[in-house]
Amino acid sequence: MDQVIETEILIIGCGIAGAAAALEAAKRGREVLLVTKHPQPQESNTFYAQGGIVSLGHDDDPELLQKDIIETGDGINNPEAVKILVDEGKRLVDEILIN
């Protein structure tokens, strides 16, 4: 039997991008449906990145992290995006993946 579900926003995939988008949309009062192919929502590429998500640690220096990201990106990074990652990354990783 077919089932029709109506929603304002449909997000497919519950990795970090999908989870972040769903959280932000919900905070803005939107009706969000987040779907994933696996019964366990943590089963995503983000879960298996294991170190592939960069964020500022407790005792890290923001300027050093920014420099490291730019060097690792061979200098072709968008400096504004790197700054956002350094400034907001830890809070977002904690909010989305840990808390």
PDB file of N, CA and C in Angstrom:
ATOM      1  N   MET A   1       0.838  -1.163   0.000  1.00  0.00           N
ATOM      2  CA  MET A   1       0.000   0.000   0.000  1.00  0.00           C
ATOM      3  C   MET A   1       0.894   1.241   0.000  1.00  0.00           C
ATOM      4  N   ASP A   2       0.583   2.187  -0.851  1.00  0.00           N
ATOM      5  CA  ASP A   2       1.326   3.444  -0.912  1.00  0.00           C
ATOM      6  C   ASP A   2       0.906   4.352   0.229  1.00  0.00           C
ATOM      7  N   GLN A   3       1.876   5.050   0.757  1.00  0.00           N
ATOM      8  CA  GLN A   3       1.603   6.008   1.823  1.00  0.00           C
ATOM      9  C   GLN A   3       2.163   7.358   1.389  1.00  0.00           C
ATOM     10  N   VAL A   4       1.361   8.385   1.495  1.00  0.00           N
ATOM     11  CA  VAL A   4       1.792   9.734   1.144  1.00  0.00           C
ATOM     12  C   VAL A   4       2.040  10.502   2.436  1.00  0.00           C
ATOM     13  N   ILE A   5       3.220  11.066   2.530  1.00  0.00           N
ATOM     14  CA  ILE A   5       3.573  11.887   3.685  1.00  0.00           C
ATOM     15  C   ILE A   5       3.877  13.283   3.167  1.00  0.00           C
ATOM     16  N   GLU A   6       3.222  14.262   3.736  1.00  0.00           N
ATOM     17  CA  GLU A   6       3.461  15.639   3.318  1.00  0.00           C
ATOM     18  C   GLU A   6       4.342  16.337   4.344  1.00  0.00           C
ATOM     19  N   THR A   7       5.262  17.152   3.855  1.00  0.00           N
ATOM     20  CA  THR A   7       6.158  17.919   4.704  1.00  0.00           C
ATOM     21  C   THR A   7       6.603  19.167   3.958  1.00  0.00           C
ATOM     22  N   GLU A   8       7.022  20.165   4.699  1.00  0.00           N
ATOM     23  CA  GLU A   8       7.550  21.368   4.053  1.00  0.00           C
ATOM     24  C   GLU A   8       8.929  21.102   3.463  1.00  0.00           C
ATOM     25  N   ILE A   9       9.760  20.410   4.235  1.00  0.00           N
ATOM     26  CA  ILE A   9      11.142  20.175   3.818  1.00  0.00           C
ATOM     27  C   ILE A   9      11.460  18.699   3.974  1.00  0.00           C
ATOM     28  N   LEU A  10      11.948  18.102   2.909  1.00  0.00           N
ATOM     29  CA  LEU A  10      12.390  16.711   2.916  1.00  0.00           C
ATOM     30  C   LEU A  10      13.904  16.701   2.773  1.00  0.00           C
ATOM     31  N   ILE A  11      14.578  16.061   3.720  1.00  0.00           N
ATOM     32  CA  ILE A  11      16.030  15.936   3.672  1.00  0.00           C
ATOM     33  C   ILE A  11      16.352  14.460   3.587  1.00  0.00           C
ATOM     34  N   ILE A  12      17.145  14.107   2.591  1.00  0.00           N
ATOM     35  CA  ILE A  12      17.521  12.713   2.382  1.00  0.00           C
ATOM     36  C   ILE A  12      18.967  12.536   2.820  1.00  0.00           C
ATOM     37  N   GLY A  13      19.155  11.685   3.823  1.00  0.00           N
ATOM     38  CA  GLY A  13      20.488  11.432   4.351  1.00  0.00           C
ATOM     39  C   GLY A  13      20.691  12.125   5.684  1.00  0.00           C
ATOM     40  N   CYS A  14      21.211  11.377   6.659  1.00  0.00           N
ATOM     41  CA  CYS A  14      21.359  11.957   7.995  1.00  0.00           C
ATOM     42  C   CYS A  14      22.812  12.057   8.419  1.00  0.00           C
ATOM     43  N   GLY A  15      23.682  12.319   7.449  1.00  0.00           N
ATOM     44  CA  GLY A  15      25.059  12.648   7.794  1.00  0.00           C
ATOM     45  C   GLY A  15      25.103  14.051   8.358  1.00  0.00           C
ATOM     46  N   ILE A  16      26.288  14.591   8.482  1.00  0.00           N
ATOM     47  CA  ILE A  16      26.413  15.912   9.107  1.00  0.00           C
ATOM     48  C   ILE A  16      25.682  16.988   8.320  1.00  0.00           C
ATOM     49  N   ALA A  17      25.721  16.918   7.010  1.00  0.00           N
ATOM     50  CA  ALA A  17      25.046  17.945   6.204  1.00  0.00           C
ATOM     51  C   ALA A  17      23.530  17.853   6.366  1.00  0.00           C
ATOM     52  N   GLY A  18      22.992  16.646   6.259  1.00  0.00           N
ATOM     53  CA  GLY A  18      21.552  16.475   6.406  1.00  0.00           C
ATOM     54  C   GLY A  18      21.076  16.812   7.806  1.00  0.00           C
ATOM     55  N   ALA A  19      21.839  16.371   8.813  1.00  0.00           N
ATOM     56  CA  ALA A  19      21.458  16.657  10.199  1.00  0.00           C
ATOM     57  C   ALA A  19      21.506  18.153  10.487  1.00  0.00           C
ATOM     58  N   ALA A  20      22.544  18.815   9.998  1.00  0.00           N
ATOM     59  CA  ALA A  20      22.664  20.262  10.217  1.00  0.00           C
ATOM     60  C   ALA A  20      21.523  21.011   9.537  1.00  0.00           C
ATOM     61  N   ALA A  21      21.206  20.611   8.323  1.00  0.00           N
ATOM     62  CA  ALA A  21      20.110  21.263   7.594  1.00  0.00           C
ATOM     63  C   ALA A  21      18.778  21.041   8.305  1.00  0.00           C
ATOM     64  N   ALA A  22      18.551  19.819   8.775  1.00  0.00           N
ATOM     65  CA  ALA A  22      17.299  19.512   9.474  1.00  0.00           C
ATOM     66  C   ALA A  22      17.180  20.303  10.772  1.00  0.00           C
ATOM     67  N   LEU A  23      18.260  20.366  11.531  1.00  0.00           N
ATOM     68  CA  LEU A  23      18.231  21.126  12.783  1.00  0.00           C
ATOM     69  C   LEU A  23      17.959  22.603  12.542  1.00  0.00           C
ATOM     70  N   GLU A  24      18.634  23.174  11.566  1.00  0.00           N
ATOM     71  CA  GLU A  24      18.454  24.601  11.284  1.00  0.00           C
ATOM     72  C   GLU A  24      17.034  24.893  10.814  1.00  0.00           C
ATOM     73  N   ALA A  25      16.516  24.052   9.928  1.00  0.00           N
ATOM     74  CA  ALA A  25      15.150  24.260   9.438  1.00  0.00           C
ATOM     75  C   ALA A  25      14.140  24.135  10.580  1.00  0.00           C
ATOM     76  N   ALA A  26      14.334  23.144  11.445  1.00  0.00           N
ATOM     77  CA  ALA A  26      13.427  22.959  12.580  1.00  0.00           C
ATOM     78  C   ALA A  26      13.497  24.147  13.539  1.00  0.00           C
ATOM     79  N   LYS A  27      14.700  24.671  13.764  1.00  0.00           N
ATOM     80  CA  LYS A  27      14.847  25.849  14.630  1.00  0.00           C
ATOM     81  C   LYS A  27      14.093  27.048  14.069  1.00  0.00           C
ATOM     82  N   ARG A  28      13.958  27.079  12.753  1.00  0.00           N
ATOM     83  CA  ARG A  28      13.252  28.186  12.109  1.00  0.00           C
ATOM     84  C   ARG A  28      11.752  27.917  11.983  1.00  0.00           C
ATOM     85  N   GLY A  29      11.299  26.850  12.643  1.00  0.00           N
ATOM     86  CA  GLY A  29       9.874  26.570  12.684  1.00  0.00           C
ATOM     87  C   GLY A  29       9.325  25.832  11.478  1.00  0.00           C
ATOM     88  N   ARG A  30      10.189  25.240  10.685  1.00  0.00           N
ATOM     89  CA  ARG A  30       9.733  24.513   9.504  1.00  0.00           C
ATOM     90  C   ARG A  30       9.430  23.061   9.861  1.00  0.00           C
ATOM     91  N   GLU A  31       8.522  22.475   9.115  1.00  0.00           N
ATOM     92  CA  GLU A  31       8.205  21.052   9.283  1.00  0.00           C
ATOM     93  C   GLU A  31       9.208  20.269   8.447  1.00  0.00           C
ATOM     94  N   VAL A  32       9.997  19.433   9.106  1.00  0.00           N
ATOM     95  CA  VAL A  32      11.103  18.742   8.447  1.00  0.00           C
ATOM     96  C   VAL A  32      10.915  17.236   8.553  1.00  0.00           C
ATOM     97  N   LEU A  33      11.183  16.557   7.462  1.00  0.00           N
ATOM     98  CA  LEU A  33      11.234  15.099   7.457  1.00  0.00           C
ATOM     99  C   LEU A  33      12.630  14.709   6.992  1.00  0.00           C
ATOM    100  N   LEU A  34      13.338  13.969   7.828  1.00  0.00           N
ATOM    101  CA  LEU A  34      14.689  13.510   7.533  1.00  0.00           C
ATOM    102  C   LEU A  34      14.618  12.006   7.332  1.00  0.00           C
ATOM    103  N   VAL A  35      15.028  11.529   6.176  1.00  0.00           N
ATOM    104  CA  VAL A  35      14.970  10.091   5.897  1.00  0.00           C
ATOM    105  C   VAL A  35      16.363   9.564   5.584  1.00  0.00           C
ATOM    106  N   THR A  36      16.557   8.309   5.927  1.00  0.00           N
ATOM    107  CA  THR A  36      17.815   7.636   5.654  1.00  0.00           C
ATOM    108  C   THR A  36      17.511   6.185   5.320  1.00  0.00           C
ATOM    109  N   LYS A  37      18.406   5.550   4.606  1.00  0.00           N
ATOM    110  CA  LYS A  37      18.143   4.172   4.182  1.00  0.00           C
ATOM    111  C   LYS A  37      18.419   3.141   5.271  1.00  0.00           C
ATOM    112  N   HIS A  38      19.131   3.528   6.325  1.00  0.00           N
ATOM    113  CA  HIS A  38      19.496   2.581   7.374  1.00  0.00           C
ATOM    114  C   HIS A  38      18.620   2.787   8.608  1.00  0.00           C
ATOM    115  N   PRO A  39      18.254   1.712   9.311  1.00  0.00           N
ATOM    116  CA  PRO A  39      17.413   1.869  10.501  1.00  0.00           C
ATOM    117  C   PRO A  39      18.090   2.660  11.629  1.00  0.00           C
ATOM    118  N   GLN A  40      19.411   2.652  11.676  1.00  0.00           N
ATOM    119  CA  GLN A  40      20.146   3.402  12.695  1.00  0.00           C
ATOM    120  C   GLN A  40      20.621   4.724  12.097  1.00  0.00           C
ATOM    121  N   PRO A  41      20.127   5.861  12.577  1.00  0.00           N
ATOM    122  CA  PRO A  41      20.456   7.144  11.955  1.00  0.00           C
ATOM    123  C   PRO A  41      21.939   7.500  11.989  1.00  0.00           C
ATOM    124  N   GLN A  42      22.705   6.952  12.932  1.00  0.00           N
ATOM    125  CA  GLN A  42      24.128   7.273  12.963  1.00  0.00           C
ATOM    126  C   GLN A  42      24.915   6.582  11.849  1.00  0.00           C
ATOM    127  N   GLU A  43      24.293   5.647  11.158  1.00  0.00           N
ATOM    128  CA  GLU A  43      24.960   4.967  10.049  1.00  0.00           C
ATOM    129  C   GLU A  43      25.008   5.901   8.842  1.00  0.00           C
ATOM    130  N   SER A  44      26.079   6.630   8.727  1.00  0.00           N
ATOM    131  CA  SER A  44      26.262   7.558   7.616  1.00  0.00           C
ATOM    132  C   SER A  44      27.752   7.673   7.334  1.00  0.00           C
ATOM    133  N   ASN A  45      28.099   8.266   6.221  1.00  0.00           N
ATOM    134  CA  ASN A  45      29.512   8.471   5.915  1.00  0.00           C
ATOM    135  C   ASN A  45      30.182   9.340   6.966  1.00  0.00           C
ATOM    136  N   THR A  46      29.447  10.279   7.518  1.00  0.00           N
ATOM    137  CA  THR A  46      30.005  11.149   8.550  1.00  0.00           C
ATOM    138  C   THR A  46      30.472  10.329   9.747  1.00  0.00           C
ATOM    139  N   PHE A  47      29.687   9.339  10.131  1.00  0.00           N
ATOM    140  CA  PHE A  47      30.037   8.491  11.273  1.00  0.00           C
ATOM    141  C   PHE A  47      31.367   7.790  11.041  1.00  0.00           C
ATOM    142  N   TYR A  48      31.626   7.408   9.797  1.00  0.00           N
ATOM    143  CA  TYR A  48      32.836   6.660   9.473  1.00  0.00           C
ATOM    144  C   TYR A  48      34.004   7.552   9.061  1.00  0.00           C
ATOM    145  N   ALA A  49      33.831   8.852   9.075  1.00  0.00           N
ATOM    146  CA  ALA A  49      34.903   9.763   8.664  1.00  0.00           C
ATOM    147  C   ALA A  49      36.119   9.629   9.578  1.00  0.00           C
ATOM    148  N   GLN A  50      35.920   9.352  10.839  1.00  0.00           N
ATOM    149  CA  GLN A  50      36.976   9.119  11.823  1.00  0.00           C
ATOM    150  C   GLN A  50      38.154  10.066  11.653  1.00  0.00           C
ATOM    151  N   GLY A  51      37.955  11.281  12.059  1.00  0.00           N
ATOM    152  CA  GLY A  51      39.024  12.263  11.974  1.00  0.00           C
ATOM    153  C   GLY A  51      38.906  13.145  10.758  1.00  0.00           C
ATOM    154  N   GLY A  52      37.966  12.850   9.901  1.00  0.00           N
ATOM    155  CA  GLY A  52      37.799  13.650   8.699  1.00  0.00           C
ATOM    156  C   GLY A  52      37.013  14.921   8.939  1.00  0.00           C
ATOM    157  N   ILE A  53      36.562  15.120  10.152  1.00  0.00           N
ATOM    158  CA  ILE A  53      35.829  16.333  10.494  1.00  0.00           C
ATOM    159  C   ILE A  53      36.741  17.168  11.385  1.00  0.00           C
ATOM    160  N   VAL A  54      37.108  18.325  10.895  1.00  0.00           N
ATOM    161  CA  VAL A  54      38.040  19.183  11.612  1.00  0.00           C
ATOM    162  C   VAL A  54      37.267  20.167  12.471  1.00  0.00           C
ATOM    163  N   SER A  55      37.671  20.267  13.719  1.00  0.00           N
ATOM    164  CA  SER A  55      37.117  21.313  14.577  1.00  0.00           C
ATOM    165  C   SER A  55      38.152  21.664  15.631  1.00  0.00           C
ATOM    166  N   LEU A  56      37.995  22.812  16.191  1.00  0.00           N
ATOM    167  CA  LEU A  56      38.900  23.331  17.203  1.00  0.00           C
ATOM    168  C   LEU A  56      38.726  22.545  18.492  1.00  0.00           C
ATOM    169  N   GLY A  57      39.829  22.026  19.023  1.00  0.00           N
ATOM    170  CA  GLY A  57      39.786  21.315  20.292  1.00  0.00           C
ATOM    171  C   GLY A  57      39.838  22.285  21.463  1.00  0.00           C
ATOM    172  N   HIS A  58      39.760  21.762  22.666  1.00  0.00           N
ATOM    173  CA  HIS A  58      39.709  22.601  23.868  1.00  0.00           C
ATOM    174  C   HIS A  58      40.934  23.505  24.013  1.00  0.00           C
ATOM    175  N   ASP A  59      42.117  22.983  23.774  1.00  0.00           N
ATOM    176  CA  ASP A  59      43.341  23.763  23.969  1.00  0.00           C
ATOM    177  C   ASP A  59      43.970  24.211  22.657  1.00  0.00           C
ATOM    178  N   ASP A  60      43.247  24.118  21.559  1.00  0.00           N
ATOM    179  CA  ASP A  60      43.797  24.476  20.254  1.00  0.00           C
ATOM    180  C   ASP A  60      43.820  25.986  20.050  1.00  0.00           C
ATOM    181  N   ASP A  61      44.728  26.397  19.185  1.00  0.00           N
ATOM    182  CA  ASP A  61      44.869  27.804  18.812  1.00  0.00           C
ATOM    183  C   ASP A  61      44.113  28.033  17.504  1.00  0.00           C
ATOM    184  N   PRO A  62      43.100  28.898  17.492  1.00  0.00           N
ATOM    185  CA  PRO A  62      42.310  29.125  16.278  1.00  0.00           C
ATOM    186  C   PRO A  62      43.152  29.558  15.075  1.00  0.00           C
ATOM    187  N   GLU A  63      44.149  30.405  15.302  1.00  0.00           N
ATOM    188  CA  GLU A  63      44.990  30.863  14.188  1.00  0.00           C
ATOM    189  C   GLU A  63      45.806  29.715  13.610  1.00  0.00           C
ATOM    190  N   LEU A  64      46.312  28.828  14.475  1.00  0.00           N
ATOM    191  CA  LEU A  64      47.077  27.676  14.003  1.00  0.00           C
ATOM    192  C   LEU A  64      46.179  26.716  13.224  1.00  0.00           C
ATOM    193  N   LEU A  65      44.958  26.482  13.717  1.00  0.00           N
ATOM    194  CA  LEU A  65      44.030  25.613  12.997  1.00  0.00           C
ATOM    195  C   LEU A  65      43.715  26.196  11.629  1.00  0.00           C
ATOM    196  N   GLN A  66      43.471  27.495  11.566  1.00  0.00           N
ATOM    197  CA  GLN A  66      43.177  28.148  10.286  1.00  0.00           C
ATOM    198  C   GLN A  66      44.355  27.982   9.325  1.00  0.00           C
ATOM    199  N   LYS A  67      45.560  28.184   9.821  1.00  0.00           N
ATOM    200  CA  LYS A  67      46.769  28.025   8.996  1.00  0.00           C
ATOM    201  C   LYS A  67      46.895  26.579   8.506  1.00  0.00           C
ATOM    202  N   ASP A  68      46.672  25.614   9.405  1.00  0.00           N
ATOM    203  CA  ASP A  68      46.763  24.196   9.037  1.00  0.00           C
ATOM    204  C   ASP A  68      45.750  23.827   7.954  1.00  0.00           C
ATOM    205  N   ILE A  69      44.530  24.323   8.080  1.00  0.00           N
ATOM    206  CA  ILE A  69      43.495  24.014   7.086  1.00  0.00           C
ATOM    207  C   ILE A  69      43.879  24.583   5.727  1.00  0.00           C
ATOM    208  N   ILE A  70      44.373  25.801   5.712  1.00  0.00           N
ATOM    209  CA  ILE A  70      44.759  26.434   4.443  1.00  0.00           C
ATOM    210  C   ILE A  70      45.938  25.700   3.820  1.00  0.00           C
ATOM    211  N   GLU A  71      46.922  25.311   4.631  1.00  0.00           N
ATOM    212  CA  GLU A  71      48.068  24.556   4.102  1.00  0.00           C
ATOM    213  C   GLU A  71      47.629  23.195   3.572  1.00  0.00           C
ATOM    214  N   THR A  72      46.762  22.514   4.305  1.00  0.00           N
ATOM    215  CA  THR A  72      46.277  21.204   3.868  1.00  0.00           C
ATOM    216  C   THR A  72      45.485  21.317   2.574  1.00  0.00           C
ATOM    217  N   GLY A  73      44.793  22.430   2.391  1.00  0.00           N
ATOM    218  CA  GLY A  73      44.032  22.681   1.166  1.00  0.00           C
ATOM    219  C   GLY A  73      44.875  23.274   0.054  1.00  0.00           C
ATOM    220  N   ASP A  74      46.195  23.243   0.225  1.00  0.00           N
ATOM    221  CA  ASP A  74      47.147  23.740  -0.781  1.00  0.00           C
ATOM    222  C   ASP A  74      46.900  25.207  -1.130  1.00  0.00           C
ATOM    223  N   GLY A  75      46.328  25.945  -0.180  1.00  0.00           N
ATOM    224  CA  GLY A  75      46.147  27.376  -0.359  1.00  0.00           C
ATOM    225  C   GLY A  75      45.000  27.785  -1.261  1.00  0.00           C
ATOM    226  N   ILE A  76      44.217  26.817  -1.738  1.00  0.00           N
ATOM    227  CA  ILE A  76      43.116  27.187  -2.640  1.00  0.00           C
ATOM    228  C   ILE A  76      41.770  27.243  -1.909  1.00  0.00           C
ATOM    229  N   ASN A  77      41.821  27.132  -0.584  1.00  0.00           N
ATOM    230  CA  ASN A  77      40.600  27.214   0.223  1.00  0.00           C
ATOM    231  C   ASN A  77      39.988  28.606   0.117  1.00  0.00           C
ATOM    232  N   ASN A  78      38.714  28.666   0.392  1.00  0.00           N
ATOM    233  CA  ASN A  78      38.038  29.952   0.517  1.00  0.00           C
ATOM    234  C   ASN A  78      38.320  30.449   1.936  1.00  0.00           C
ATOM    235  N   PRO A  79      39.091  31.536   2.083  1.00  0.00           N
ATOM    236  CA  PRO A  79      39.468  31.997   3.424  1.00  0.00           C
ATOM    237  C   PRO A  79      38.272  32.293   4.331  1.00  0.00           C
ATOM    238  N   GLU A  80      37.195  32.805   3.773  1.00  0.00           N
ATOM    239  CA  GLU A  80      36.002  33.087   4.585  1.00  0.00           C
ATOM    240  C   GLU A  80      35.380  31.794   5.107  1.00  0.00           C
ATOM    241  N   ALA A  81      35.348  30.760   4.259  1.00  0.00           N
ATOM    242  CA  ALA A  81      34.798  29.468   4.680  1.00  0.00           C
ATOM    243  C   ALA A  81      35.680  28.836   5.757  1.00  0.00           C
ATOM    244  N   VAL A  82      36.990  28.968   5.607  1.00  0.00           N
ATOM    245  CA  VAL A  82      37.907  28.430   6.617  1.00  0.00           C
ATOM    246  C   VAL A  82      37.679  29.131   7.953  1.00  0.00           C
ATOM    247  N   LYS A  83      37.515  30.425   7.927  1.00  0.00           N
ATOM    248  CA  LYS A  83      37.279  31.184   9.166  1.00  0.00           C
ATOM    249  C   LYS A  83      35.982  30.729   9.839  1.00  0.00           C
ATOM    250  N   ILE A  84      34.942  30.518   9.051  1.00  0.00           N
ATOM    251  CA  ILE A  84      33.675  30.029   9.613  1.00  0.00           C
ATOM    252  C   ILE A  84      33.875  28.652  10.237  1.00  0.00           C
ATOM    253  N   LEU A  85      34.609  27.779   9.547  1.00  0.00           N
ATOM    254  CA  LEU A  85      34.876  26.441  10.074  1.00  0.00           C
ATOM    255  C   LEU A  85      35.612  26.526  11.405  1.00  0.00           C
ATOM    256  N   VAL A  86      36.621  27.378  11.468  1.00  0.00           N
ATOM    257  CA  VAL A  86      37.389  27.533  12.704  1.00  0.00           C
ATOM    258  C   VAL A  86      36.517  28.125  13.816  1.00  0.00           C
ATOM    259  N   ASP A  87      35.740  29.151  13.486  1.00  0.00           N
ATOM    260  CA  ASP A  87      34.936  29.840  14.498  1.00  0.00           C
ATOM    261  C   ASP A  87      33.718  29.042  14.957  1.00  0.00           C
ATOM    262  N   GLU A  88      33.076  28.321  14.049  1.00  0.00           N
ATOM    263  CA  GLU A  88      31.803  27.658  14.354  1.00  0.00           C
ATOM    264  C   GLU A  88      31.884  26.141  14.425  1.00  0.00           C
ATOM    265  N   GLY A  89      32.966  25.554  13.912  1.00  0.00           N
ATOM    266  CA  GLY A  89      33.060  24.102  13.782  1.00  0.00           C
ATOM    267  C   GLY A  89      32.870  23.330  15.065  1.00  0.00           C
ATOM    268  N   LYS A  90      33.577  23.714  16.113  1.00  0.00           N
ATOM    269  CA  LYS A  90      33.484  22.962  17.365  1.00  0.00           C
ATOM    270  C   LYS A  90      32.062  22.961  17.915  1.00  0.00           C
ATOM    271  N   ARG A  91      31.442  24.132  17.932  1.00  0.00           N
ATOM    272  CA  ARG A  91      30.070  24.216  18.444  1.00  0.00           C
ATOM    273  C   ARG A  91      29.141  23.317  17.635  1.00  0.00           C
ATOM    274  N   LEU A  92      29.296  23.346  16.309  1.00  0.00           N
ATOM    275  CA  LEU A  92      28.413  22.551  15.456  1.00  0.00           C
ATOM    276  C   LEU A  92      28.675  21.059  15.593  1.00  0.00           C
ATOM    277  N   VAL A  93      29.946  20.665  15.664  1.00  0.00           N
ATOM    278  CA  VAL A  93      30.254  19.242  15.861  1.00  0.00           C
ATOM    279  C   VAL A  93      29.670  18.776  17.191  1.00  0.00           C
ATOM    280  N   ASP A  94      29.868  19.566  18.237  1.00  0.00           N
ATOM    281  CA  ASP A  94      29.297  19.199  19.544  1.00  0.00           C
ATOM    282  C   ASP A  94      27.778  19.103  19.475  1.00  0.00           C
ATOM    283  N   GLU A  95      27.147  20.088  18.860  1.00  0.00           N
ATOM    284  CA  GLU A  95      25.680  20.148  18.801  1.00  0.00           C
ATOM    285  C   GLU A  95      25.092  19.019  17.968  1.00  0.00           C
ATOM    286  N   ILE A  96      25.708  18.738  16.829  1.00  0.00           N
ATOM    287  CA  ILE A  96      25.114  17.789  15.888  1.00  0.00           C
ATOM    288  C   ILE A  96      25.550  16.353  16.155  1.00  0.00           C
ATOM    289  N   LEU A  97      26.813  16.143  16.456  1.00  0.00           N
ATOM    290  CA  LEU A  97      27.313  14.776  16.575  1.00  0.00           C
ATOM    291  C   LEU A  97      27.446  14.279  18.014  1.00  0.00           C
ATOM    292  N   ILE A  98      27.646  15.176  18.950  1.00  0.00           N
ATOM    293  CA  ILE A  98      27.937  14.730  20.312  1.00  0.00           C
ATOM    294  C   ILE A  98      26.740  14.889  21.229  1.00  0.00           C
ATOM    295  N   ASN A  99      26.153  16.058  21.225  1.00  0.00           N
ATOM    296  CA  ASN A  99      25.020  16.300  22.122  1.00  0.00           C
ATOM    297  C   ASN A  99      23.790  15.863  21.413  1.00  0.00           C
TER     298      ASN A  99
END
